[in-house]
Structures are given as C-alpha cells and as structure tokens.
Amino acid sequence: GRRSKEDQARAMASNVVKNRKWIEQTYAVSDLRKS
C-alpha cells in the first residue's frame, strides 16, 4: 500500500535487479523517472 521513500526505492530496486530498464518501461515520462 502506502510506501515511504525507502520502501518505494527497495520495491523498485527489486525489479531493476531483474530488468535494468524497468523504470523507464514502467513509469510515466517525468524528470524524476529520467533521473
């Protein structure tokens, strides 16, 4: 459900470990997605 910044980063990282392009393939275009 609701996540802290650390929880969100950990959840995203678990997916990035499997797919290094997961962030750009998942999130809407934004400056934060790009960074």
All heavy atoms as atom14 arrays in JSON, in Angstrom:
{
  "sequence": "GRRSKEDQARAMASNVVKNRKWIEQTYAVSDLRKS",
  "atom14_mask": [
    [1, 1, 1, 1, 0, 0, 0, 0, 0, 0, 0, 0, 0, 0],
    [1, 1, 1, 1, 1, 1, 1, 1, 1, 1, 1, 0, 0, 0],
    [1, 1, 1, 1, 1, 1, 1, 1, 1, 1, 1, 0, 0, 0],
    [1, 1, 1, 1, 1, 1, 0, 0, 0, 0, 0, 0, 0, 0],
    [1, 1, 1, 1, 1, 1, 1, 1, 1, 0, 0, 0, 0, 0],
    [1, 1, 1, 1, 1, 1, 1, 1, 1, 0, 0, 0, 0, 0],
    [1, 1, 1, 1, 1, 1, 1, 1, 0, 0, 0, 0, 0, 0],
    [1, 1, 1, 1, 1, 1, 1, 1, 1, 0, 0, 0, 0, 0],
    [1, 1, 1, 1, 1, 0, 0, 0, 0, 0, 0, 0, 0, 0],
    [1, 1, 1, 1, 1, 1, 1, 1, 1, 1, 1, 0, 0, 0],
    [1, 1, 1, 1, 1, 0, 0, 0, 0, 0, 0, 0, 0, 0],
    [1, 1, 1, 1, 1, 1, 1, 1, 0, 0, 0, 0, 0, 0],
    [1, 1, 1, 1, 1, 0, 0, 0, 0, 0, 0, 0, 0, 0],
    [1, 1, 1, 1, 1, 1, 0, 0, 0, 0, 0, 0, 0, 0],
    [1, 1, 1, 1, 1, 1, 1, 1, 0, 0, 0, 0, 0, 0],
    [1, 1, 1, 1, 1, 1, 1, 0, 0, 0, 0, 0, 0, 0],
    [1, 1, 1, 1, 1, 1, 1, 0, 0, 0, 0, 0, 0, 0],
    [1, 1, 1, 1, 1, 1, 1, 1, 1, 0, 0, 0, 0, 0],
    [1, 1, 1, 1, 1, 1, 1, 1, 0, 0, 0, 0, 0, 0],
    [1, 1, 1, 1, 1, 1, 1, 1, 1, 1, 1, 0, 0, 0],
    [1, 1, 1, 1, 1, 1, 1, 1, 1, 0, 0, 0, 0, 0],
    [1, 1, 1, 1, 1, 1, 1, 1, 1, 1, 1, 1, 1, 1],
    [1, 1, 1, 1, 1, 1, 1, 1, 0, 0, 0, 0, 0, 0],
    [1, 1, 1, 1, 1, 1, 1, 1, 1, 0, 0, 0, 0, 0],
    [1, 1, 1, 1, 1, 1, 1, 1, 1, 0, 0, 0, 0, 0],
    [1, 1, 1, 1, 1, 1, 1, 0, 0, 0, 0, 0, 0, 0],
    [1, 1, 1, 1, 1, 1, 1, 1, 1, 1, 1, 1, 0, 0],
    [1, 1, 1, 1, 1, 0, 0, 0, 0, 0, 0, 0, 0, 0],
    [1, 1, 1, 1, 1, 1, 1, 0, 0, 0, 0, 0, 0, 0],
    [1, 1, 1, 1, 1, 1, 0, 0, 0, 0, 0, 0, 0, 0],
    [1, 1, 1, 1, 1, 1, 1, 1, 0, 0, 0, 0, 0, 0],
    [1, 1, 1, 1, 1, 1, 1, 1, 0, 0, 0, 0, 0, 0],
    [1, 1, 1, 1, 1, 1, 1, 1, 1, 1, 1, 0, 0, 0],
    [1, 1, 1, 1, 1, 1, 1, 1, 1, 0, 0, 0, 0, 0],
    [1, 1, 1, 1, 1, 1, 0, 0, 0, 0, 0, 0, 0, 0]
  ],
  "atom14_positions": [
    [[0.85, -1.19, 0.0], [0.0, 0.0, 0.0], [0.88, 1.23, 0.0], [1.78, 1.36, -0.82], [0.0, 0.0, 0.0], [0.0, 0.0, 0.0], [0.0, 0.0, 0.0], [0.0, 0.0, 0.0], [0.0, 0.0, 0.0], [0.0, 0.0, 0.0], [0.0, 0.0, 0.0], [0.0, 0.0, 0.0], [0.0, 0.0, 0.0], [0.0, 0.0, 0.0]],
    [[0.64, 2.14, 0.98], [1.48, 3.33, 1.09], [2.91, 2.91, 1.39], [3.14, 1.99, 2.16], [0.96, 4.25, 2.2], [1.73, 5.57, 2.31], [1.3, 6.38, 3.52], [-0.12, 6.67, 3.51], [-0.67, 7.8, 3.02], [0.1, 8.72, 2.49], [-1.98, 7.97, 3.08], [0.0, 0.0, 0.0], [0.0, 0.0, 0.0], [0.0, 0.0, 0.0]],
    [[3.85, 3.61, 0.75], [5.27, 3.32, 0.96], [6.03, 4.59, 1.32], [5.73, 5.66, 0.78], [5.91, 2.76, -0.31], [5.37, 1.42, -0.75], [6.05, 0.98, -2.04], [5.52, -0.28, -2.53], [5.49, -0.6, -3.82], [5.98, 0.22, -4.73], [4.99, -1.76, -4.2], [0.0, 0.0, 0.0], [0.0, 0.0, 0.0], [0.0, 0.0, 0.0]],
    [[7.03, 4.44, 2.17], [7.98, 5.51, 2.41], [8.91, 5.6, 1.19], [8.91, 4.7, 0.34], [8.81, 5.21, 3.66], [9.64, 4.08, 3.43], [0.0, 0.0, 0.0], [0.0, 0.0, 0.0], [0.0, 0.0, 0.0], [0.0, 0.0, 0.0], [0.0, 0.0, 0.0], [0.0, 0.0, 0.0], [0.0, 0.0, 0.0], [0.0, 0.0, 0.0]],
    [[9.73, 6.62, 1.12], [10.69, 6.73, 0.04], [11.61, 5.5, 0.02], [11.91, 4.96, -1.05], [11.54, 8.0, 0.17], [10.77, 9.26, -0.12], [11.69, 10.47, -0.17], [11.92, 11.04, 1.19], [12.63, 12.36, 1.14], [0.0, 0.0, 0.0], [0.0, 0.0, 0.0], [0.0, 0.0, 0.0], [0.0, 0.0, 0.0], [0.0, 0.0, 0.0]],
    [[12.02, 5.07, 1.19], [12.91, 3.91, 1.28], [12.22, 2.63, 0.82], [12.82, 1.82, 0.11], [13.44, 3.75, 2.71], [14.36, 4.88, 3.16], [13.65, 6.19, 3.52], [12.4, 6.19, 3.71], [14.34, 7.22, 3.6], [0.0, 0.0, 0.0], [0.0, 0.0, 0.0], [0.0, 0.0, 0.0], [0.0, 0.0, 0.0], [0.0, 0.0, 0.0]],
    [[10.96, 2.47, 1.23], [10.19, 1.29, 0.79], [9.98, 1.3, -0.72], [10.06, 0.25, -1.38], [8.83, 1.23, 1.49], [8.92, 0.93, 2.97], [9.95, 0.39, 3.42], [7.94, 1.25, 3.69], [0.0, 0.0, 0.0], [0.0, 0.0, 0.0], [0.0, 0.0, 0.0], [0.0, 0.0, 0.0], [0.0, 0.0, 0.0], [0.0, 0.0, 0.0]],
    [[9.67, 2.49, -1.27], [9.47, 2.59, -2.72], [10.75, 2.26, -3.46], [10.74, 1.52, -4.44], [8.99, 4.0, -3.08], [8.73, 4.2, -4.57], [7.58, 3.38, -5.1], [6.66, 3.02, -4.38], [7.62, 3.08, -6.39], [0.0, 0.0, 0.0], [0.0, 0.0, 0.0], [0.0, 0.0, 0.0], [0.0, 0.0, 0.0], [0.0, 0.0, 0.0]],
    [[11.87, 2.79, -2.98], [13.15, 2.52, -3.63], [13.5, 1.04, -3.57], [13.97, 0.46, -4.56], [14.25, 3.35, -2.97], [0.0, 0.0, 0.0], [0.0, 0.0, 0.0], [0.0, 0.0, 0.0], [0.0, 0.0, 0.0], [0.0, 0.0, 0.0], [0.0, 0.0, 0.0], [0.0, 0.0, 0.0], [0.0, 0.0, 0.0], [0.0, 0.0, 0.0]],
    [[13.23, 0.4, -2.44], [13.51, -1.03, -2.28], [12.63, -1.85, -3.24], [13.11, -2.78, -3.89], [13.27, -1.45, -0.82], [13.8, -2.79, -0.45], [13.79, -3.07, 1.05], [12.8, -2.39, 1.85], [13.03, -1.29, 2.61], [14.23, -0.77, 2.67], [12.06, -0.73, 3.3], [0.0, 0.0, 0.0], [0.0, 0.0, 0.0], [0.0, 0.0, 0.0]],
    [[11.35, -1.48, -3.36], [10.44, -2.19, -4.26], [10.88, -2.02, -5.71], [10.91, -2.99, -6.48], [9.01, -1.69, -4.07], [0.0, 0.0, 0.0], [0.0, 0.0, 0.0], [0.0, 0.0, 0.0], [0.0, 0.0, 0.0], [0.0, 0.0, 0.0], [0.0, 0.0, 0.0], [0.0, 0.0, 0.0], [0.0, 0.0, 0.0], [0.0, 0.0, 0.0]],
    [[11.23, -0.81, -6.08], [11.7, -0.57, -7.44], [13.0, -1.32, -7.71], [13.16, -1.93, -8.77], [11.89, 0.94, -7.67], [10.61, 1.72, -7.71], [10.88, 3.51, -7.72], [11.75, 3.73, -9.26], [0.0, 0.0, 0.0], [0.0, 0.0, 0.0], [0.0, 0.0, 0.0], [0.0, 0.0, 0.0], [0.0, 0.0, 0.0], [0.0, 0.0, 0.0]],
    [[13.9, -1.28, -6.75], [15.21, -1.93, -6.92], [15.07, -3.43, -7.12], [15.82, -4.02, -7.9], [16.11, -1.63, -5.72], [0.0, 0.0, 0.0], [0.0, 0.0, 0.0], [0.0, 0.0, 0.0], [0.0, 0.0, 0.0], [0.0, 0.0, 0.0], [0.0, 0.0, 0.0], [0.0, 0.0, 0.0], [0.0, 0.0, 0.0], [0.0, 0.0, 0.0]],
    [[14.09, -4.05, -6.46], [13.91, -5.49, -6.64], [13.54, -5.81, -8.08], [13.9, -6.88, -8.6], [12.85, -6.04, -5.67], [11.56, -5.63, -6.05], [0.0, 0.0, 0.0], [0.0, 0.0, 0.0], [0.0, 0.0, 0.0], [0.0, 0.0, 0.0], [0.0, 0.0, 0.0], [0.0, 0.0, 0.0], [0.0, 0.0, 0.0], [0.0, 0.0, 0.0]],
    [[12.85, -4.89, -8.75], [12.5, -5.08, -10.16], [13.67, -4.72, -11.07], [13.89, -5.37, -12.09], [11.26, -4.25, -10.51], [10.05, -4.74, -9.76], [9.8, -5.94, -9.67], [9.26, -3.83, -9.2], [0.0, 0.0, 0.0], [0.0, 0.0, 0.0], [0.0, 0.0, 0.0], [0.0, 0.0, 0.0], [0.0, 0.0, 0.0], [0.0, 0.0, 0.0]],
    [[14.42, -3.67, -10.71], [15.56, -3.25, -11.52], [16.64, -4.35, -11.55], [17.3, -4.54, -12.58], [16.14, -1.92, -10.99], [17.47, -1.58, -11.66], [15.13, -0.78, -11.21], [0.0, 0.0, 0.0], [0.0, 0.0, 0.0], [0.0, 0.0, 0.0], [0.0, 0.0, 0.0], [0.0, 0.0, 0.0], [0.0, 0.0, 0.0], [0.0, 0.0, 0.0]],
    [[16.78, -5.09, -10.45], [17.72, -6.21, -10.42], [17.4, -7.21, -11.54], [18.29, -7.77, -12.17], [17.71, -6.91, -9.03], [18.4, -8.26, -9.06], [18.34, -6.01, -7.98], [0.0, 0.0, 0.0], [0.0, 0.0, 0.0], [0.0, 0.0, 0.0], [0.0, 0.0, 0.0], [0.0, 0.0, 0.0], [0.0, 0.0, 0.0], [0.0, 0.0, 0.0]],
    [[16.12, -7.39, -11.84], [15.68, -8.32, -12.86], [15.68, -7.71, -14.26], [15.77, -8.41, -15.26], [14.27, -8.82, -12.54], [14.2, -9.61, -11.24], [12.75, -9.98, -10.92], [12.7, -10.73, -9.61], [11.81, -10.14, -8.65], [0.0, 0.0, 0.0], [0.0, 0.0, 0.0], [0.0, 0.0, 0.0], [0.0, 0.0, 0.0], [0.0, 0.0, 0.0]],
    [[15.5, -6.38, -14.34], [15.37, -5.68, -15.62], [15.89, -4.26, -15.43], [15.2, -3.43, -14.85], [13.91, -5.68, -16.08], [13.69, -4.84, -17.34], [14.62, -4.3, -17.93], [12.43, -4.72, -17.73], [0.0, 0.0, 0.0], [0.0, 0.0, 0.0], [0.0, 0.0, 0.0], [0.0, 0.0, 0.0], [0.0, 0.0, 0.0], [0.0, 0.0, 0.0]],
    [[17.08, -3.96, -15.92], [17.73, -2.67, -15.69], [16.99, -1.52, -16.39], [17.25, -0.37, -16.1], [19.18, -2.7, -16.16], [20.02, -3.74, -15.48], [20.82, -3.4, -14.32], [21.6, -2.21, -14.23], [22.19, -1.84, -13.1], [22.05, -2.58, -12.01], [22.89, -0.74, -13.05], [0.0, 0.0, 0.0], [0.0, 0.0, 0.0], [0.0, 0.0, 0.0]],
    [[16.07, -1.81, -17.28], [15.28, -0.77, -17.95], [13.86, -0.69, -17.37], [12.99, -0.02, -17.92], [15.21, -1.02, -19.46], [16.56, -0.88, -20.15], [17.08, 0.55, -20.04], [18.38, 0.72, -20.82], [18.9, 2.1, -20.68], [0.0, 0.0, 0.0], [0.0, 0.0, 0.0], [0.0, 0.0, 0.0], [0.0, 0.0, 0.0], [0.0, 0.0, 0.0]],
    [[13.63, -1.38, -16.24], [12.29, -1.47, -15.66], [11.7, -0.1, -15.36], [10.51, 0.13, -15.58], [12.34, -2.33, -14.39], [11.02, -2.52, -13.75], [10.09, -3.46, -14.08], [10.45, -1.76, -12.68], [8.98, -3.33, -13.28], [9.18, -2.3, -12.41], [10.88, -0.67, -11.94], [8.34, -1.79, -11.44], [10.05, -0.16, -10.96], [8.79, -0.71, -10.72]],
    [[12.49, 0.84, -14.88], [11.96, 2.16, -14.51], [11.39, 2.86, -15.73], [10.23, 3.32, -15.71], [13.04, 3.02, -13.81], [13.4, 2.39, -12.46], [12.55, 4.46, -13.63], [14.63, 2.99, -11.79], [0.0, 0.0, 0.0], [0.0, 0.0, 0.0], [0.0, 0.0, 0.0], [0.0, 0.0, 0.0], [0.0, 0.0, 0.0], [0.0, 0.0, 0.0]],
    [[12.16, 2.94, -16.81], [11.65, 3.65, -17.99], [10.51, 2.88, -18.66], [9.69, 3.49, -19.36], [12.77, 3.98, -18.97], [13.33, 2.83, -19.75], [14.45, 3.26, -20.7], [15.1, 4.29, -20.47], [14.67, 2.52, -21.67], [0.0, 0.0, 0.0], [0.0, 0.0, 0.0], [0.0, 0.0, 0.0], [0.0, 0.0, 0.0], [0.0, 0.0, 0.0]],
    [[10.44, 1.58, -18.45], [9.36, 0.78, -19.04], [8.09, 0.8, -18.2], [7.05, 0.33, -18.65], [9.83, -0.66, -19.23], [10.93, -0.81, -20.25], [11.55, -2.19, -20.27], [11.23, -3.05, -19.47], [12.46, -2.41, -21.21], [0.0, 0.0, 0.0], [0.0, 0.0, 0.0], [0.0, 0.0, 0.0], [0.0, 0.0, 0.0], [0.0, 0.0, 0.0]],
    [[8.17, 1.35, -16.98], [7.04, 1.28, -16.05], [6.42, 2.64, -15.75], [5.2, 2.76, -15.72], [7.51, 0.62, -14.74], [7.98, -0.7, -15.04], [6.38, 0.53, -13.73], [0.0, 0.0, 0.0], [0.0, 0.0, 0.0], [0.0, 0.0, 0.0], [0.0, 0.0, 0.0], [0.0, 0.0, 0.0], [0.0, 0.0, 0.0], [0.0, 0.0, 0.0]],
    [[7.24, 3.64, -15.53], [6.75, 4.94, -15.07], [6.5, 5.9, -16.21], [7.17, 5.85, -17.24], [7.75, 5.55, -14.07], [7.75, 4.78, -12.77], [8.59, 3.69, -12.59], [6.85, 5.1, -11.76], [8.56, 2.95, -11.42], [6.81, 4.36, -10.59], [7.66, 3.29, -10.43], [7.62, 2.56, -9.28], [0.0, 0.0, 0.0], [0.0, 0.0, 0.0]],
    [[5.54, 6.8, -16.0], [5.26, 7.85, -16.97], [6.47, 8.76, -17.12], [7.25, 8.94, -16.17], [4.04, 8.66, -16.52], [0.0, 0.0, 0.0], [0.0, 0.0, 0.0], [0.0, 0.0, 0.0], [0.0, 0.0, 0.0], [0.0, 0.0, 0.0], [0.0, 0.0, 0.0], [0.0, 0.0, 0.0], [0.0, 0.0, 0.0], [0.0, 0.0, 0.0]],
    [[6.62, 9.34, -18.28], [7.73, 10.25, -18.55], [7.69, 11.41, -17.55], [6.65, 12.04, -17.35], [7.65, 10.79, -20.0], [8.71, 11.86, -20.23], [7.8, 9.66, -20.99], [0.0, 0.0, 0.0], [0.0, 0.0, 0.0], [0.0, 0.0, 0.0], [0.0, 0.0, 0.0], [0.0, 0.0, 0.0], [0.0, 0.0, 0.0], [0.0, 0.0, 0.0]],
    [[8.82, 11.62, -16.88], [8.96, 12.75, -15.94], [10.44, 12.96, -15.68], [11.28, 12.1, -15.99], [8.25, 12.45, -14.61], [8.94, 11.43, -13.9], [0.0, 0.0, 0.0], [0.0, 0.0, 0.0], [0.0, 0.0, 0.0], [0.0, 0.0, 0.0], [0.0, 0.0, 0.0], [0.0, 0.0, 0.0], [0.0, 0.0, 0.0], [0.0, 0.0, 0.0]],
    [[10.77, 14.11, -15.12], [12.16, 14.38, -14.76], [12.67, 13.36, -13.75], [13.82, 12.92, -13.82], [12.31, 15.8, -14.2], [12.12, 16.86, -15.27], [12.2, 16.55, -16.47], [11.88, 18.04, -14.89], [0.0, 0.0, 0.0], [0.0, 0.0, 0.0], [0.0, 0.0, 0.0], [0.0, 0.0, 0.0], [0.0, 0.0, 0.0], [0.0, 0.0, 0.0]],
    [[11.81, 12.97, -12.79], [12.24, 12.02, -11.77], [12.45, 10.63, -12.38], [13.42, 9.95, -12.04], [11.25, 11.96, -10.61], [11.63, 11.04, -9.45], [13.03, 11.35, -8.91], [10.59, 11.13, -8.34], [0.0, 0.0, 0.0], [0.0, 0.0, 0.0], [0.0, 0.0, 0.0], [0.0, 0.0, 0.0], [0.0, 0.0, 0.0], [0.0, 0.0, 0.0]],
    [[11.58, 10.22, -13.28], [11.81, 8.93, -13.95], [13.15, 8.95, -14.67], [13.94, 8.01, -14.59], [10.7, 8.62, -14.95], [10.95, 7.25, -15.62], [10.05, 6.98, -16.78], [10.64, 7.51, -18.0], [10.21, 7.23, -19.22], [9.16, 6.45, -19.38], [10.78, 7.74, -20.26], [0.0, 0.0, 0.0], [0.0, 0.0, 0.0], [0.0, 0.0, 0.0]],
    [[13.43, 10.05, -15.35], [14.7, 10.18, -16.08], [15.88, 10.13, -15.12], [16.86, 9.42, -15.38], [14.72, 11.46, -16.9], [16.01, 11.62, -17.71], [15.98, 12.84, -18.59], [17.21, 13.06, -19.41], [18.38, 12.25, -19.19], [0.0, 0.0, 0.0], [0.0, 0.0, 0.0], [0.0, 0.0, 0.0], [0.0, 0.0, 0.0], [0.0, 0.0, 0.0]],
    [[15.8, 10.84, -14.01], [16.95, 10.84, -13.09], [17.16, 9.46, -12.46], [18.3, 9.03, -12.28], [16.81, 11.93, -12.01], [15.79, 11.62, -11.1], [0.0, 0.0, 0.0], [0.0, 0.0, 0.0], [0.0, 0.0, 0.0], [0.0, 0.0, 0.0], [0.0, 0.0, 0.0], [0.0, 0.0, 0.0], [0.0, 0.0, 0.0], [0.0, 0.0, 0.0]]
  ]
}
